[in-house]
C-alpha atoms as a PDB file:
ATOM      1  CA  UNK A   1     172.283 216.307  76.570  1.00  0.00           C
ATOM      2  CA  UNK A   2     174.392 216.655  79.635  1.00  0.00           C
ATOM      3  CA  UNK A   3     178.216 215.253  78.606  1.00  0.00           C
ATOM      4  CA  UNK A   4     177.478 218.071  75.244  1.00  0.00           C
ATOM      5  CA  UNK A   5     176.365 220.302  77.879  1.00  0.00           C
ATOM      6  CA  UNK A   6     180.931 220.001  79.764  1.00  0.00           C
ATOM      7  CA  UNK A   7     181.986 219.077  76.406  1.00  0.00           C
ATOM      8  CA  UNK A   8     181.502 222.511  75.203  1.00  0.00           C
ATOM      9  CA  UNK A   9     182.723 224.059  78.466  1.00  0.00           C
ATOM     10  CA  UNK A  10     185.586 222.631  76.707  1.00  0.00           C
ATOM     11  CA  UNK A  11     185.958 219.564  79.017  1.00  0.00           C
ATOM     12  CA  UNK A  12     187.565 216.174  77.560  1.00  0.00           C
ATOM     13  CA  UNK A  13     185.966 212.589  76.791  1.00  0.00           C
ATOM     14  CA  UNK A  14     187.162 212.085  80.192  1.00  0.00           C
ATOM     15  CA  UNK A  15     186.082 214.850  82.637  1.00  0.00           C
ATOM     16  CA  UNK A  16     183.451 215.171  80.785  1.00  0.00           C
ATOM     17  CA  UNK A  17     181.712 211.850  81.698  1.00  0.00           C
ATOM     18  CA  UNK A  18     182.759 211.773  84.821  1.00  0.00           C
ATOM     19  CA  UNK A  19     180.728 215.234  85.331  1.00  0.00           C
ATOM     20  CA  UNK A  20     177.357 213.695  83.027  1.00  0.00           C
ATOM     21  CA  UNK A  21     177.866 210.586  85.004  1.00  0.00           C
ATOM     22  CA  UNK A  22     177.478 212.879  89.064  1.00  0.00           C
ATOM     23  CA  UNK A  23     174.811 215.225  87.453  1.00  0.00           C
ATOM     24  CA  UNK A  24     172.792 211.939  86.255  1.00  0.00           C
ATOM     25  CA  UNK A  25     173.113 209.980  88.733  1.00  0.00           C
ATOM     26  CA  UNK A  26     172.230 213.116  91.372  1.00  0.00           C
ATOM     27  CA  UNK A  27     169.149 214.449  88.888  1.00  0.00           C
ATOM     28  CA  UNK A  28     167.853 210.748  88.854  1.00  0.00           C
ATOM     29  CA  UNK A  29     168.201 210.674  92.841  1.00  0.00           C
ATOM     30  CA  UNK A  30     166.929 214.302  92.940  1.00  0.00           C
ATOM     31  CA  UNK A  31     163.664 213.764  91.382  1.00  0.00           C
ATOM     32  CA  UNK A  32     162.725 210.351  92.363  1.00  0.00           C
ATOM     33  CA  UNK A  33     162.682 212.397  95.838  1.00  0.00           C
ATOM     34  CA  UNK A  34     160.602 215.063  94.730  1.00  0.00           C
ATOM     35  CA  UNK A  35     158.170 212.028  93.485  1.00  0.00           C
ATOM     36  CA  UNK A  36     157.227 211.041  97.263  1.00  0.00           C
ATOM     37  CA  UNK A  37     156.082 215.494  97.298  1.00  0.00           C
ATOM     38  CA  UNK A  38     153.814 214.744  94.231  1.00  0.00           C
ATOM     39  CA  UNK A  39     150.483 214.041  95.286  1.00  0.00           C
ATOM     40  CA  UNK A  40     149.466 210.084  93.530  1.00  0.00           C
ATOM     41  CA  UNK A  41     153.142 209.601  92.867  1.00  0.00           C
ATOM     42  CA  UNK A  42     155.415 207.332  94.613  1.00  0.00           C
ATOM     43  CA  UNK A  43     158.966 206.889  95.228  1.00  0.00           C
ATOM     44  CA  UNK A  44     160.404 203.931  94.033  1.00  0.00           C
ATOM     45  CA  UNK A  45     163.678 202.680  94.902  1.00  0.00           C
ATOM     46  CA  UNK A  46     164.085 200.540  91.248  1.00  0.00           C
ATOM     47  CA  UNK A  47     163.134 203.907  89.815  1.00  0.00           C
ATOM     48  CA  UNK A  48     165.747 205.269  90.541  1.00  0.00           C
ATOM     49  CA  UNK A  49     168.351 202.599  89.919  1.00  0.00           C
ATOM     50  CA  UNK A  50     166.865 202.501  86.397  1.00  0.00           C
ATOM     51  CA  UNK A  51     167.708 205.869  86.220  1.00  0.00           C
ATOM     52  CA  UNK A  52     171.748 205.654  87.459  1.00  0.00           C
ATOM     53  CA  UNK A  53     171.150 202.340  85.055  1.00  0.00           C
ATOM     54  CA  UNK A  54     169.840 204.570  81.886  1.00  0.00           C
ATOM     55  CA  UNK A  55     172.524 207.489  82.319  1.00  0.00           C
ATOM     56  CA  UNK A  56     175.271 204.715  82.422  1.00  0.00           C
ATOM     57  CA  UNK A  57     174.426 203.355  79.134  1.00  0.00           C
ATOM     58  CA  UNK A  58     173.805 207.060  77.878  1.00  0.00           C
ATOM     59  CA  UNK A  59     177.732 207.484  78.871  1.00  0.00           C
ATOM     60  CA  UNK A  60     178.698 204.337  78.010  1.00  0.00           C
ATOM     61  CA  UNK A  61     177.542 204.745  74.047  1.00  0.00           C
ATOM     62  CA  UNK A  62     179.144 208.414  74.511  1.00  0.00           C
ATOM     63  CA  UNK A  63     182.512 207.102  74.948  1.00  0.00           C
ATOM     64  CA  UNK A  64     182.202 204.378  72.574  1.00  0.00           C
ATOM     65  CA  UNK A  65     181.215 206.282  69.899  1.00  0.00           C
ATOM     66  CA  UNK A  66     183.267 209.027  70.668  1.00  0.00           C
ATOM     67  CA  UNK A  67     186.877 207.162  70.340  1.00  0.00           C
ATOM     68  CA  UNK A  68     185.931 205.506  67.371  1.00  0.00           C
ATOM     69  CA  UNK A  69     185.262 208.868  65.462  1.00  0.00           C
ATOM     70  CA  UNK A  70     188.882 210.224  66.792  1.00  0.00           C
ATOM     71  CA  UNK A  71     190.191 206.809  66.078  1.00  0.00           C
ATOM     72  CA  UNK A  72     189.173 207.587  62.213  1.00  0.00           C
END
């Protein structure tokens, strides 16, 4: 979804992926930090790393599909 927003802003594939990566990682870190202030929740570095890995896997999938579609 983040990538789609940046592509909608007329960014090319590379810039869209970079902006999506930076935004996704920032949001993942921010949500982990905010959990420290929610009663009954705790901040966990491994959950933050899972957020980052999920962002990178999603962007990799977008990249692979986009390059396949542009080749045809």
